[in-house]
Each structure stands twice: as C-alpha cells, then as structure tokens.
Amino acid sequence: MTAKRALIVIDVQNEYFDGILQVQYPSREESLANITRAMDVAVELDMPVVVLQHELPEGAPVFAVNSPSWTLHPEIESRLKPEFKRASKVCGSAFTGEGVPEFLAEHGVETVSIVGYMTNNCDIATAADAEVRGYGAEVLSDASGAIHLANEAGSVSAEQLHKTLMVLLNSNFAAVATTDAWIEAARSGAELPKSDLGTSATQGRAEFDA
C-alpha cells in the first residue's frame, strides 16, 4: 500500500493558455482535462489538495498579481473547495508556497502527486524538492505540459523536452504515470511503479550501446 497522497495542482493559470508561456505539449486541452479529472478524484477520495499560483509584482510581463495572466483557469477556479490549501509562490517548487509544508504535515502526507505546469520548470523543481524534504513524488505525464525552448544553449521542442523529462523524473525523482493509471492506483491505495538510476542506466546502455 502506498503512503498517504496529496494532489499538488501547480500554476494552472491563464498565462499557460493564452500568454507567452502557452503550453505546447501535451495539448493544453488534453492536460487540462486530465488535471480536472485528477482533482475530481482527489475530492472523491477525500485526498488533501494544494492549489498553487505563481505570482510576480504588478506590471510584470507574466503572472502579475491580479492580472488575467495570474488568474487560475476557470475550470480550476470552479473546482476550488474550502478545504483545499491555496498558496502563491515566487519560486519553482510548490513547497515554497506559504503554508504548504505545514498543510502537508498536518495531513500526514508522505507522497505528493504533481499535476500542472510546467514540466520543465515548476513540476521538476517540486519533484526534486520533494526528495530533499523526505516526500515521495508522482508526476502525471498527461496532466502536465512543456513549452518550446530556444536560447544561446540550443533549442528543443516541447514534445522532446516533455518526454525527456518524464524519463529523467522516473529514473530517480518521481514515479511517472498517466492520469488513468494514477486514478486506478489512488482508488486502490496502490503504489505507482518507479524505476531507479541504476536500472535506467543499464536499460539505456542496452538500448543505445547495442
């Protein structure tokens, strides 16, 4: 049986749907539908839920407090419950949201199930921070999403970035699963399977050095 879960809903804000940080892979529609499914199941199972919003000062180009970019997507807003923990943050990790560590401790949470945006920023930061803080982590691969990136170091498509990070996360930091698999595990109280770095390295060598 798995340790007690909490659903961590990271930054499902309008910026990721119609701003400069529009999620590109998986599609925004697909990931949003899976995020809301996970939220509905969390409510069904009386699972603790944390809802985060990234927040920057007024006038910032993205996530400026009280701006449309900062506002939660209506599908998330409509599902908010008084018992949820809501918090804002200025750093990547969900654990930096005000009161989040205390909320998780109060509810006896041992595993955080991560959905929301972005795979390449706050999701991976939260999963890595969970290890430091002694929590298990799960990432729902189709309830998160990445963006295309290009800078002085090179370029990478959102699809390539997302898929690469899922493999990376599952090799050490988090169990990676689809929303369907997570729902089944959550309802049954089962643990999601996760690889480890040694196994992933061995399988990687077998595939690419052959």
N, C-alpha and C. Protein backbone atom coordinates (compact mmCIF):
# COMPACT_ATOMS: atom_id res chain seq x y z
N MET A 1 0.85 -1.19 0.00
CA MET A 1 0.00 0.00 0.00
C MET A 1 0.88 1.25 0.00
N THR A 2 0.46 2.26 -0.73
CA THR A 2 1.27 3.46 -0.83
C THR A 2 1.07 4.37 0.37
N ALA A 3 2.02 5.27 0.58
CA ALA A 3 1.89 6.28 1.62
C ALA A 3 0.78 7.26 1.25
N LYS A 4 0.31 8.00 2.25
CA LYS A 4 -0.80 8.92 2.01
C LYS A 4 -0.43 9.99 0.99
N ARG A 5 -1.30 10.16 -0.01
CA ARG A 5 -1.07 11.10 -1.09
C ARG A 5 -1.72 12.46 -0.82
N ALA A 6 -1.13 13.48 -1.44
CA ALA A 6 -1.80 14.77 -1.63
C ALA A 6 -1.65 15.14 -3.10
N LEU A 7 -2.69 15.75 -3.67
CA LEU A 7 -2.63 16.22 -5.06
C LEU A 7 -2.12 17.66 -5.04
N ILE A 8 -1.05 17.91 -5.80
CA ILE A 8 -0.46 19.24 -5.89
C ILE A 8 -0.76 19.80 -7.28
N VAL A 9 -1.61 20.80 -7.33
CA VAL A 9 -2.05 21.40 -8.60
C VAL A 9 -1.24 22.67 -8.81
N ILE A 10 -0.28 22.62 -9.72
CA ILE A 10 0.70 23.69 -9.86
C ILE A 10 0.34 24.65 -10.99
N ASP A 11 0.05 25.89 -10.63
CA ASP A 11 0.03 27.01 -11.57
C ASP A 11 -0.81 26.79 -12.82
N VAL A 12 -2.02 26.31 -12.66
CA VAL A 12 -2.90 26.15 -13.82
C VAL A 12 -3.59 27.49 -14.05
N GLN A 13 -2.80 28.42 -14.55
CA GLN A 13 -3.19 29.82 -14.70
C GLN A 13 -3.38 30.17 -16.17
N ASN A 14 -4.09 31.25 -16.42
CA ASN A 14 -4.42 31.64 -17.80
C ASN A 14 -3.18 31.88 -18.65
N GLU A 15 -2.08 32.28 -18.04
CA GLU A 15 -0.85 32.52 -18.79
C GLU A 15 -0.48 31.33 -19.66
N TYR A 16 -0.70 30.13 -19.18
CA TYR A 16 -0.29 28.93 -19.90
C TYR A 16 -1.26 28.55 -21.02
N PHE A 17 -2.35 29.30 -21.14
CA PHE A 17 -3.33 29.01 -22.18
C PHE A 17 -3.37 30.08 -23.26
N ASP A 18 -3.14 31.34 -22.90
CA ASP A 18 -3.21 32.38 -23.92
C ASP A 18 -2.13 33.45 -23.76
N GLY A 19 -1.08 33.14 -22.99
CA GLY A 19 0.02 34.07 -22.81
C GLY A 19 1.26 33.67 -23.60
N ILE A 20 2.39 34.27 -23.27
CA ILE A 20 3.62 33.95 -23.99
C ILE A 20 4.18 32.58 -23.57
N LEU A 21 3.70 32.04 -22.47
CA LEU A 21 4.14 30.73 -21.99
C LEU A 21 3.14 29.63 -22.31
N GLN A 22 2.44 29.74 -23.42
CA GLN A 22 1.43 28.74 -23.78
C GLN A 22 2.03 27.34 -23.84
N VAL A 23 1.43 26.43 -23.10
CA VAL A 23 1.87 25.04 -23.11
C VAL A 23 1.65 24.44 -24.50
N GLN A 24 2.65 23.72 -24.98
CA GLN A 24 2.61 23.19 -26.34
C GLN A 24 2.48 21.67 -26.41
N TYR A 25 2.95 20.97 -25.36
CA TYR A 25 2.87 19.50 -25.38
C TYR A 25 2.85 18.96 -23.96
N PRO A 26 1.93 18.01 -23.67
CA PRO A 26 0.75 17.66 -24.45
C PRO A 26 -0.14 18.89 -24.67
N SER A 27 -1.17 18.73 -25.47
CA SER A 27 -2.01 19.88 -25.77
C SER A 27 -2.61 20.44 -24.49
N ARG A 28 -2.85 21.73 -24.50
CA ARG A 28 -3.45 22.38 -23.33
C ARG A 28 -4.79 21.76 -22.98
N GLU A 29 -5.57 21.45 -24.00
CA GLU A 29 -6.89 20.88 -23.76
C GLU A 29 -6.79 19.50 -23.11
N GLU A 30 -5.85 18.69 -23.59
CA GLU A 30 -5.67 17.35 -23.02
C GLU A 30 -5.18 17.42 -21.57
N SER A 31 -4.16 18.22 -21.34
CA SER A 31 -3.61 18.28 -19.99
C SER A 31 -4.62 18.88 -19.01
N LEU A 32 -5.34 19.90 -19.42
CA LEU A 32 -6.33 20.49 -18.53
C LEU A 32 -7.42 19.49 -18.18
N ALA A 33 -7.89 18.73 -19.16
CA ALA A 33 -8.92 17.73 -18.89
C ALA A 33 -8.44 16.70 -17.88
N ASN A 34 -7.18 16.32 -17.97
CA ASN A 34 -6.65 15.34 -17.03
C ASN A 34 -6.40 15.94 -15.66
N ILE A 35 -6.00 17.19 -15.61
CA ILE A 35 -5.84 17.87 -14.32
C ILE A 35 -7.18 17.92 -13.59
N THR A 36 -8.22 18.28 -14.29
CA THR A 36 -9.53 18.38 -13.63
C THR A 36 -10.05 17.00 -13.23
N ARG A 37 -9.76 15.97 -14.03
CA ARG A 37 -10.13 14.61 -13.63
C ARG A 37 -9.43 14.22 -12.33
N ALA A 38 -8.15 14.54 -12.25
CA ALA A 38 -7.40 14.22 -11.03
C ALA A 38 -7.96 14.97 -9.83
N MET A 39 -8.33 16.23 -10.01
CA MET A 39 -8.93 16.99 -8.92
C MET A 39 -10.24 16.38 -8.47
N ASP A 40 -11.06 15.96 -9.42
CA ASP A 40 -12.36 15.37 -9.07
C ASP A 40 -12.17 14.06 -8.29
N VAL A 41 -11.19 13.27 -8.69
CA VAL A 41 -10.93 12.02 -7.98
C VAL A 41 -10.36 12.31 -6.59
N ALA A 42 -9.52 13.31 -6.47
CA ALA A 42 -9.00 13.68 -5.16
C ALA A 42 -10.13 14.05 -4.20
N VAL A 43 -11.10 14.80 -4.70
CA VAL A 43 -12.26 15.15 -3.87
C VAL A 43 -13.05 13.90 -3.51
N GLU A 44 -13.25 13.03 -4.49
CA GLU A 44 -13.96 11.77 -4.26
C GLU A 44 -13.31 10.96 -3.14
N LEU A 45 -11.97 10.96 -3.10
CA LEU A 45 -11.23 10.14 -2.15
C LEU A 45 -10.86 10.90 -0.88
N ASP A 46 -11.34 12.12 -0.76
CA ASP A 46 -11.01 12.96 0.41
C ASP A 46 -9.49 13.13 0.55
N MET A 47 -8.84 13.30 -0.57
CA MET A 47 -7.39 13.47 -0.61
C MET A 47 -7.04 14.95 -0.40
N PRO A 48 -6.05 15.28 0.40
CA PRO A 48 -5.64 16.68 0.52
C PRO A 48 -5.23 17.25 -0.84
N VAL A 49 -5.61 18.49 -1.08
CA VAL A 49 -5.31 19.14 -2.36
C VAL A 49 -4.66 20.49 -2.09
N VAL A 50 -3.58 20.76 -2.80
CA VAL A 50 -2.91 22.06 -2.76
C VAL A 50 -3.01 22.69 -4.15
N VAL A 51 -3.45 23.95 -4.20
CA VAL A 51 -3.56 24.67 -5.47
C VAL A 51 -2.63 25.88 -5.42
N LEU A 52 -1.67 25.91 -6.33
CA LEU A 52 -0.65 26.96 -6.36
C LEU A 52 -0.91 27.96 -7.48
N GLN A 53 -0.47 29.19 -7.25
CA GLN A 53 -0.42 30.22 -8.29
C GLN A 53 0.93 30.90 -8.24
N HIS A 54 1.61 30.94 -9.39
CA HIS A 54 2.85 31.70 -9.46
C HIS A 54 2.49 33.19 -9.50
N GLU A 55 3.26 33.97 -8.77
CA GLU A 55 2.89 35.39 -8.60
C GLU A 55 4.11 36.28 -8.69
N LEU A 56 3.98 37.33 -9.52
CA LEU A 56 5.01 38.36 -9.64
C LEU A 56 4.38 39.72 -9.37
N PRO A 57 5.18 40.75 -9.15
CA PRO A 57 4.63 42.07 -8.83
C PRO A 57 3.80 42.66 -9.97
N GLU A 58 2.94 43.61 -9.63
CA GLU A 58 2.16 44.32 -10.64
C GLU A 58 3.08 44.91 -11.70
N GLY A 59 2.66 44.79 -12.95
CA GLY A 59 3.45 45.31 -14.06
C GLY A 59 4.40 44.29 -14.68
N ALA A 60 4.56 43.14 -14.06
CA ALA A 60 5.42 42.09 -14.64
C ALA A 60 4.79 41.57 -15.93
N PRO A 61 5.61 41.10 -16.88
CA PRO A 61 5.05 40.64 -18.17
C PRO A 61 4.22 39.38 -18.06
N VAL A 62 4.46 38.57 -17.05
CA VAL A 62 3.67 37.35 -16.81
C VAL A 62 3.39 37.23 -15.31
N PHE A 63 2.26 36.63 -14.98
CA PHE A 63 1.89 36.32 -13.60
C PHE A 63 1.82 37.54 -12.67
N ALA A 64 1.61 38.72 -13.24
CA ALA A 64 1.48 39.91 -12.39
C ALA A 64 0.24 39.75 -11.51
N VAL A 65 0.40 39.94 -10.23
CA VAL A 65 -0.68 39.69 -9.28
C VAL A 65 -1.96 40.40 -9.72
N ASN A 66 -3.06 39.67 -9.67
CA ASN A 66 -4.40 40.17 -10.01
C ASN A 66 -4.61 40.44 -11.50
N SER A 67 -3.65 40.06 -12.34
CA SER A 67 -3.81 40.22 -13.79
C SER A 67 -4.48 38.99 -14.37
N PRO A 68 -4.99 39.07 -15.62
CA PRO A 68 -5.53 37.87 -16.26
C PRO A 68 -4.51 36.74 -16.35
N SER A 69 -3.25 37.06 -16.60
CA SER A 69 -2.20 36.05 -16.69
C SER A 69 -2.06 35.26 -15.39
N TRP A 70 -2.23 35.92 -14.27
CA TRP A 70 -2.08 35.33 -12.93
C TRP A 70 -3.29 34.49 -12.54
N THR A 71 -4.45 34.80 -13.08
CA THR A 71 -5.70 34.19 -12.66
C THR A 71 -5.75 32.70 -12.99
N LEU A 72 -6.31 31.91 -12.09
CA LEU A 72 -6.49 30.49 -12.34
C LEU A 72 -7.43 30.27 -13.53
N HIS A 73 -7.19 29.19 -14.27
CA HIS A 73 -8.11 28.83 -15.35
C HIS A 73 -9.49 28.59 -14.76
N PRO A 74 -10.55 29.00 -15.45
CA PRO A 74 -11.91 28.85 -14.91
C PRO A 74 -12.25 27.42 -14.50
N GLU A 75 -11.73 26.42 -15.19
CA GLU A 75 -12.02 25.03 -14.83
C GLU A 75 -11.43 24.66 -13.47
N ILE A 76 -10.34 25.32 -13.11
CA ILE A 76 -9.74 25.10 -11.79
C ILE A 76 -10.49 25.92 -10.75
N GLU A 77 -10.73 27.16 -11.08
CA GLU A 77 -11.44 28.06 -10.15
C GLU A 77 -12.78 27.46 -9.74
N SER A 78 -13.49 26.87 -10.68
CA SER A 78 -14.82 26.33 -10.38
C SER A 78 -14.77 25.10 -9.49
N ARG A 79 -13.60 24.48 -9.36
CA ARG A 79 -13.47 23.27 -8.55
C ARG A 79 -12.89 23.52 -7.17
N LEU A 80 -12.55 24.74 -6.86
CA LEU A 80 -11.94 25.04 -5.56
C LEU A 80 -12.90 24.71 -4.42
N LYS A 81 -12.34 24.16 -3.37
CA LYS A 81 -13.10 23.81 -2.18
C LYS A 81 -12.48 24.51 -0.97
N PRO A 82 -13.30 24.80 0.05
CA PRO A 82 -12.76 25.46 1.25
C PRO A 82 -11.64 24.67 1.91
N GLU A 83 -11.70 23.35 1.79
CA GLU A 83 -10.69 22.51 2.45
C GLU A 83 -9.38 22.44 1.68
N PHE A 84 -9.34 22.93 0.45
CA PHE A 84 -8.09 22.96 -0.29
C PHE A 84 -7.13 23.96 0.34
N LYS A 85 -5.85 23.72 0.18
CA LYS A 85 -4.84 24.71 0.55
C LYS A 85 -4.47 25.51 -0.69
N ARG A 86 -4.72 26.81 -0.66
CA ARG A 86 -4.32 27.70 -1.75
C ARG A 86 -3.11 28.50 -1.32
N ALA A 87 -2.17 28.67 -2.22
CA ALA A 87 -0.97 29.42 -1.89
C ALA A 87 -0.37 30.02 -3.15
N SER A 88 0.29 31.15 -2.99
CA SER A 88 1.05 31.74 -4.07
C SER A 88 2.53 31.44 -3.84
N LYS A 89 3.32 31.56 -4.91
CA LYS A 89 4.75 31.31 -4.81
C LYS A 89 5.49 32.17 -5.83
N VAL A 90 6.76 32.41 -5.55
CA VAL A 90 7.61 33.16 -6.48
C VAL A 90 8.77 32.31 -6.98
N CYS A 91 8.92 31.11 -6.42
CA CYS A 91 9.95 30.17 -6.85
C CYS A 91 9.30 28.96 -7.52
N GLY A 92 10.13 28.07 -8.06
CA GLY A 92 9.59 26.95 -8.80
C GLY A 92 8.86 25.93 -7.95
N SER A 93 9.46 25.52 -6.84
CA SER A 93 8.92 24.41 -6.06
C SER A 93 7.61 24.78 -5.38
N ALA A 94 6.63 23.87 -5.45
CA ALA A 94 5.36 24.07 -4.76
C ALA A 94 5.55 24.15 -3.25
N PHE A 95 6.61 23.55 -2.74
CA PHE A 95 6.85 23.57 -1.30
C PHE A 95 7.18 24.97 -0.78
N THR A 96 7.51 25.90 -1.69
CA THR A 96 7.81 27.27 -1.25
C THR A 96 6.55 28.11 -1.09
N GLY A 97 5.39 27.58 -1.47
CA GLY A 97 4.14 28.29 -1.25
C GLY A 97 3.88 28.46 0.23
N GLU A 98 3.40 29.62 0.61
CA GLU A 98 3.21 29.92 2.03
C GLU A 98 2.27 28.91 2.68
N GLY A 99 2.74 28.23 3.71
CA GLY A 99 1.92 27.31 4.47
C GLY A 99 1.81 25.91 3.89
N VAL A 100 2.41 25.67 2.73
CA VAL A 100 2.28 24.35 2.09
C VAL A 100 2.94 23.24 2.90
N PRO A 101 4.20 23.41 3.35
CA PRO A 101 4.80 22.33 4.15
C PRO A 101 3.99 22.01 5.41
N GLU A 102 3.46 23.05 6.04
CA GLU A 102 2.67 22.84 7.25
C GLU A 102 1.37 22.09 6.95
N PHE A 103 0.72 22.44 5.84
CA PHE A 103 -0.51 21.77 5.44
C PHE A 103 -0.26 20.29 5.19
N LEU A 104 0.81 19.97 4.49
CA LEU A 104 1.13 18.57 4.19
C LEU A 104 1.43 17.80 5.47
N ALA A 105 2.16 18.44 6.37
CA ALA A 105 2.49 17.78 7.64
C ALA A 105 1.24 17.53 8.47
N GLU A 106 0.35 18.51 8.50
CA GLU A 106 -0.88 18.38 9.29
C GLU A 106 -1.74 17.21 8.80
N HIS A 107 -1.69 16.94 7.51
CA HIS A 107 -2.50 15.87 6.93
C HIS A 107 -1.74 14.54 6.82
N GLY A 108 -0.55 14.48 7.36
CA GLY A 108 0.20 13.24 7.35
C GLY A 108 0.59 12.76 5.97
N VAL A 109 0.77 13.69 5.04
CA VAL A 109 1.09 13.34 3.65
C VAL A 109 2.53 12.82 3.56
N GLU A 110 2.70 11.77 2.76
CA GLU A 110 4.03 11.22 2.52
C GLU A 110 4.41 11.20 1.05
N THR A 111 3.42 11.29 0.17
CA THR A 111 3.65 11.28 -1.28
C THR A 111 2.88 12.41 -1.93
N VAL A 112 3.54 13.21 -2.75
CA VAL A 112 2.87 14.29 -3.46
C VAL A 112 2.67 13.88 -4.92
N SER A 113 1.45 14.04 -5.40
CA SER A 113 1.09 13.73 -6.79
C SER A 113 0.99 15.05 -7.54
N ILE A 114 1.87 15.24 -8.52
CA ILE A 114 2.08 16.54 -9.15
C ILE A 114 1.36 16.61 -10.50
N VAL A 115 0.52 17.65 -10.65
CA VAL A 115 -0.09 17.98 -11.94
C VAL A 115 0.08 19.48 -12.16
N GLY A 116 -0.08 19.91 -13.39
CA GLY A 116 0.00 21.33 -13.68
C GLY A 116 1.24 21.69 -14.47
N TYR A 117 1.63 22.96 -14.39
CA TYR A 117 2.62 23.50 -15.32
C TYR A 117 3.80 24.16 -14.60
N MET A 118 4.94 24.18 -15.23
CA MET A 118 5.27 23.45 -16.45
C MET A 118 6.15 22.26 -16.09
N THR A 119 6.13 21.26 -16.97
CA THR A 119 7.02 20.12 -16.81
C THR A 119 8.46 20.59 -16.61
N ASN A 120 8.88 21.55 -17.44
CA ASN A 120 10.27 21.96 -17.49
C ASN A 120 10.65 23.03 -16.48
N ASN A 121 9.77 23.32 -15.54
CA ASN A 121 10.11 24.34 -14.55
C ASN A 121 9.59 23.94 -13.17
N CYS A 122 8.36 24.27 -12.87
CA CYS A 122 7.87 24.07 -11.51
C CYS A 122 7.58 22.61 -11.18
N ASP A 123 7.23 21.80 -12.16
CA ASP A 123 6.97 20.39 -11.89
C ASP A 123 8.25 19.67 -11.48
N ILE A 124 9.30 19.84 -12.27
CA ILE A 124 10.55 19.17 -11.95
C ILE A 124 11.17 19.75 -10.68
N ALA A 125 11.00 21.05 -10.46
CA ALA A 125 11.51 21.66 -9.24
C ALA A 125 10.82 21.08 -8.01
N THR A 126 9.51 20.86 -8.11
CA THR A 126 8.76 20.31 -6.99
C THR A 126 9.16 18.86 -6.72
N ALA A 127 9.32 18.07 -7.77
CA ALA A 127 9.72 16.67 -7.60
C ALA A 127 11.10 16.57 -6.97
N ALA A 128 12.04 17.40 -7.42
CA ALA A 128 13.38 17.37 -6.84
C ALA A 128 13.37 17.84 -5.39
N ASP A 129 12.56 18.85 -5.10
CA ASP A 129 12.46 19.37 -3.73
C ASP A 129 11.80 18.35 -2.81
N ALA A 130 10.88 17.56 -3.35
CA ALA A 130 10.22 16.53 -2.54
C ALA A 130 11.25 15.55 -2.00
N GLU A 131 12.22 15.17 -2.83
CA GLU A 131 13.26 14.24 -2.37
C GLU A 131 14.03 14.83 -1.19
N VAL A 132 14.39 16.10 -1.29
CA VAL A 132 15.15 16.76 -0.23
C VAL A 132 14.35 16.80 1.07
N ARG A 133 13.04 16.97 0.95
CA ARG A 133 12.18 17.12 2.12
C ARG A 133 11.64 15.79 2.65
N GLY A 134 12.02 14.69 2.01
CA GLY A 134 11.63 13.38 2.50
C GLY A 134 10.27 12.89 2.03
N TYR A 135 9.75 13.47 0.97
CA TYR A 135 8.48 13.03 0.40
C TYR A 135 8.71 12.16 -0.82
N GLY A 136 7.83 11.18 -1.04
CA GLY A 136 7.76 10.53 -2.33
C GLY A 136 7.06 11.44 -3.30
N ALA A 137 7.27 11.21 -4.59
CA ALA A 137 6.64 12.07 -5.61
C ALA A 137 6.12 11.24 -6.77
N GLU A 138 5.03 11.72 -7.33
CA GLU A 138 4.44 11.16 -8.55
C GLU A 138 4.17 12.31 -9.51
N VAL A 139 4.39 12.09 -10.79
CA VAL A 139 4.09 13.08 -11.82
C VAL A 139 3.14 12.46 -12.83
N LEU A 140 2.03 13.12 -13.09
CA LEU A 140 1.05 12.64 -14.07
C LEU A 140 1.44 13.19 -15.44
N SER A 141 1.93 12.31 -16.29
CA SER A 141 2.58 12.74 -17.53
C SER A 141 1.64 13.44 -18.49
N ASP A 142 0.36 13.08 -18.47
CA ASP A 142 -0.59 13.72 -19.39
C ASP A 142 -1.43 14.79 -18.70
N ALA A 143 -1.06 15.14 -17.47
CA ALA A 143 -1.72 16.22 -16.74
C ALA A 143 -0.70 17.30 -16.40
N SER A 144 0.30 17.42 -17.26
CA SER A 144 1.35 18.43 -17.15
C SER A 144 1.72 18.82 -18.57
N GLY A 145 2.66 19.74 -18.72
CA GLY A 145 2.99 20.15 -20.08
C GLY A 145 4.21 21.04 -20.15
N ALA A 146 4.81 21.07 -21.33
CA ALA A 146 6.04 21.82 -21.56
C ALA A 146 5.85 22.82 -22.71
N ILE A 147 6.85 23.69 -22.86
CA ILE A 147 6.85 24.68 -23.94
C ILE A 147 8.09 24.48 -24.81
N HIS A 148 8.03 25.00 -26.04
CA HIS A 148 9.23 25.02 -26.88
C HIS A 148 10.24 25.99 -26.24
N LEU A 149 11.52 25.62 -26.32
CA LEU A 149 12.57 26.48 -25.78
C LEU A 149 13.68 26.68 -26.80
N ALA A 150 14.21 27.89 -26.85
CA ALA A 150 15.39 28.17 -27.67
C ALA A 150 16.16 29.31 -27.01
N ASN A 151 17.45 29.14 -26.87
CA ASN A 151 18.30 30.20 -26.32
C ASN A 151 19.73 29.95 -26.76
N GLU A 152 20.70 30.61 -26.13
CA GLU A 152 22.10 30.51 -26.55
C GLU A 152 22.64 29.08 -26.46
N ALA A 153 22.02 28.25 -25.65
CA ALA A 153 22.50 26.87 -25.47
C ALA A 153 21.94 25.92 -26.52
N GLY A 154 20.93 26.37 -27.28
CA GLY A 154 20.35 25.50 -28.29
C GLY A 154 18.84 25.61 -28.31
N SER A 155 18.17 24.61 -28.86
CA SER A 155 16.71 24.63 -28.94
C SER A 155 16.17 23.22 -28.76
N VAL A 156 14.93 23.15 -28.28
CA VAL A 156 14.29 21.86 -28.05
C VAL A 156 12.79 22.05 -28.15
N SER A 157 12.12 21.10 -28.80
CA SER A 157 10.67 21.19 -28.92
C SER A 157 10.02 20.81 -27.60
N ALA A 158 8.79 21.26 -27.41
CA ALA A 158 8.05 20.93 -26.20
C ALA A 158 7.87 19.43 -26.07
N GLU A 159 7.59 18.75 -27.17
CA GLU A 159 7.38 17.30 -27.11
C GLU A 159 8.66 16.59 -26.68
N GLN A 160 9.77 16.95 -27.29
CA GLN A 160 11.04 16.32 -26.93
C GLN A 160 11.40 16.62 -25.47
N LEU A 161 11.19 17.85 -25.07
CA LEU A 161 11.51 18.28 -23.71
C LEU A 161 10.65 17.53 -22.70
N HIS A 162 9.36 17.47 -22.94
CA HIS A 162 8.44 16.80 -22.02
C HIS A 162 8.78 15.32 -21.89
N LYS A 163 8.94 14.65 -23.01
CA LYS A 163 9.22 13.21 -22.97
C LYS A 163 10.55 12.91 -22.30
N THR A 164 11.55 13.75 -22.57
CA THR A 164 12.86 13.56 -21.94
C THR A 164 12.76 13.73 -20.43
N LEU A 165 12.04 14.74 -19.99
CA LEU A 165 11.93 14.98 -18.56
C LEU A 165 11.12 13.90 -17.86
N MET A 166 10.14 13.30 -18.55
CA MET A 166 9.42 12.19 -17.94
C MET A 166 10.35 11.01 -17.67
N VAL A 167 11.23 10.71 -18.65
CA VAL A 167 12.21 9.64 -18.45
C VAL A 167 13.16 9.99 -17.32
N LEU A 168 13.63 11.22 -17.30
CA LEU A 168 14.53 11.68 -16.24
C LEU A 168 13.87 11.57 -14.86
N LEU A 169 12.66 12.07 -14.74
CA LEU A 169 11.96 12.03 -13.45
C LEU A 169 11.77 10.59 -12.97
N ASN A 170 11.36 9.71 -13.87
CA ASN A 170 11.07 8.33 -13.48
C ASN A 170 12.34 7.56 -13.13
N SER A 171 13.50 8.08 -13.54
CA SER A 171 14.76 7.41 -13.23
C SER A 171 15.21 7.64 -11.80
N ASN A 172 14.60 8.63 -11.12
CA ASN A 172 15.08 8.93 -9.78
C ASN A 172 14.07 9.70 -8.93
N PHE A 173 13.55 10.80 -9.44
CA PHE A 173 12.83 11.74 -8.59
C PHE A 173 11.36 11.42 -8.35
N ALA A 174 10.70 10.74 -9.30
CA ALA A 174 9.25 10.57 -9.17
C ALA A 174 8.78 9.38 -9.98
N ALA A 175 7.71 8.76 -9.51
CA ALA A 175 7.01 7.77 -10.33
C ALA A 175 6.19 8.52 -11.37
N VAL A 176 6.36 8.16 -12.63
CA VAL A 176 5.65 8.83 -13.72
C VAL A 176 4.56 7.89 -14.24
N ALA A 177 3.35 8.43 -14.37
CA ALA A 177 2.22 7.61 -14.82
C ALA A 177 1.20 8.48 -15.53
N THR A 178 0.34 7.85 -16.30
CA THR A 178 -0.78 8.57 -16.89
C THR A 178 -1.82 8.87 -15.81
N THR A 179 -2.74 9.74 -16.14
CA THR A 179 -3.82 10.05 -15.20
C THR A 179 -4.67 8.81 -14.95
N ASP A 180 -4.95 8.02 -15.97
CA ASP A 180 -5.72 6.79 -15.79
C ASP A 180 -5.05 5.86 -14.79
N ALA A 181 -3.74 5.67 -14.94
CA ALA A 181 -3.02 4.77 -14.03
C ALA A 181 -3.00 5.33 -12.62
N TRP A 182 -2.84 6.64 -12.50
CA TRP A 182 -2.84 7.27 -11.17
C TRP A 182 -4.19 7.12 -10.50
N ILE A 183 -5.27 7.33 -11.24
CA ILE A 183 -6.61 7.19 -10.67
C ILE A 183 -6.83 5.78 -10.16
N GLU A 184 -6.42 4.80 -10.94
CA GLU A 184 -6.57 3.41 -10.52
C GLU A 184 -5.78 3.14 -9.25
N ALA A 185 -4.54 3.63 -9.20
CA ALA A 185 -3.71 3.43 -8.01
C ALA A 185 -4.26 4.17 -6.80
N ALA A 186 -4.74 5.39 -7.01
CA ALA A 186 -5.28 6.17 -5.90
C ALA A 186 -6.52 5.51 -5.32
N ARG A 187 -7.38 5.01 -6.18
CA ARG A 187 -8.62 4.38 -5.69
C ARG A 187 -8.34 3.07 -4.96
N SER A 188 -7.31 2.37 -5.37
CA SER A 188 -7.00 1.09 -4.74
C SER A 188 -5.99 1.21 -3.60
N GLY A 189 -5.37 2.38 -3.48
CA GLY A 189 -4.34 2.57 -2.47
C GLY A 189 -3.01 1.95 -2.85
N ALA A 190 -2.83 1.67 -4.13
CA ALA A 190 -1.60 1.02 -4.59
C ALA A 190 -0.49 2.04 -4.85
N GLU A 191 0.73 1.55 -4.86
CA GLU A 191 1.88 2.38 -5.16
C GLU A 191 2.15 2.34 -6.66
N LEU A 192 2.49 3.48 -7.26
CA LEU A 192 2.86 3.51 -8.66
C LEU A 192 4.29 3.00 -8.83
N PRO A 193 4.55 2.23 -9.88
CA PRO A 193 5.91 1.74 -10.11
C PRO A 193 6.84 2.87 -10.53
N LYS A 194 8.09 2.79 -10.09
CA LYS A 194 9.11 3.77 -10.45
C LYS A 194 10.43 3.05 -10.67
N SER A 195 11.17 3.49 -11.67
CA SER A 195 12.49 2.94 -11.90
C SER A 195 13.48 3.55 -10.92
N ASP A 196 14.75 3.27 -11.11
CA ASP A 196 15.82 3.89 -10.34
C ASP A 196 16.97 4.18 -11.29
N LEU A 197 17.95 4.92 -10.82
CA LEU A 197 19.00 5.40 -11.71
C LEU A 197 19.83 4.25 -12.28
N GLY A 198 20.15 3.25 -11.42
CA GLY A 198 20.95 2.14 -11.90
C GLY A 198 20.23 1.32 -12.96
N THR A 199 18.96 1.01 -12.72
CA THR A 199 18.18 0.25 -13.69
C THR A 199 18.02 1.03 -14.98
N SER A 200 17.71 2.33 -14.86
CA SER A 200 17.53 3.16 -16.05
C SER A 200 18.82 3.25 -16.85
N ALA A 201 19.96 3.34 -16.15
CA ALA A 201 21.24 3.41 -16.85
C ALA A 201 21.55 2.11 -17.56
N THR A 202 21.27 0.99 -16.90
CA THR A 202 21.53 -0.31 -17.51
C THR A 202 20.67 -0.51 -18.75
N GLN A 203 19.38 -0.17 -18.63
CA GLN A 203 18.48 -0.30 -19.78
C GLN A 203 18.87 0.68 -20.88
N GLY A 204 19.32 1.85 -20.52
CA GLY A 204 19.74 2.82 -21.52
C GLY A 204 20.95 2.36 -22.30
N ARG A 205 21.92 1.77 -21.60
CA ARG A 205 23.11 1.25 -22.30
C ARG A 205 22.73 0.11 -23.22
N ALA A 206 21.83 -0.76 -22.76
CA ALA A 206 21.40 -1.87 -23.60
C ALA A 206 20.73 -1.40 -24.87
N GLU A 207 19.99 -0.27 -24.77
CA GLU A 207 19.28 0.24 -25.94
C GLU A 207 20.18 1.01 -26.89
N PHE A 208 21.06 1.86 -26.34
CA PHE A 208 21.80 2.78 -27.20
C PHE A 208 23.23 2.34 -27.49
N ASP A 209 23.79 1.43 -26.69
CA ASP A 209 25.15 0.96 -26.96
C ASP A 209 25.17 -0.35 -27.73
N ALA A 210 23.97 -0.90 -27.97
CA ALA A 210 23.90 -2.19 -28.67
C ALA A 210 24.37 -2.05 -30.11
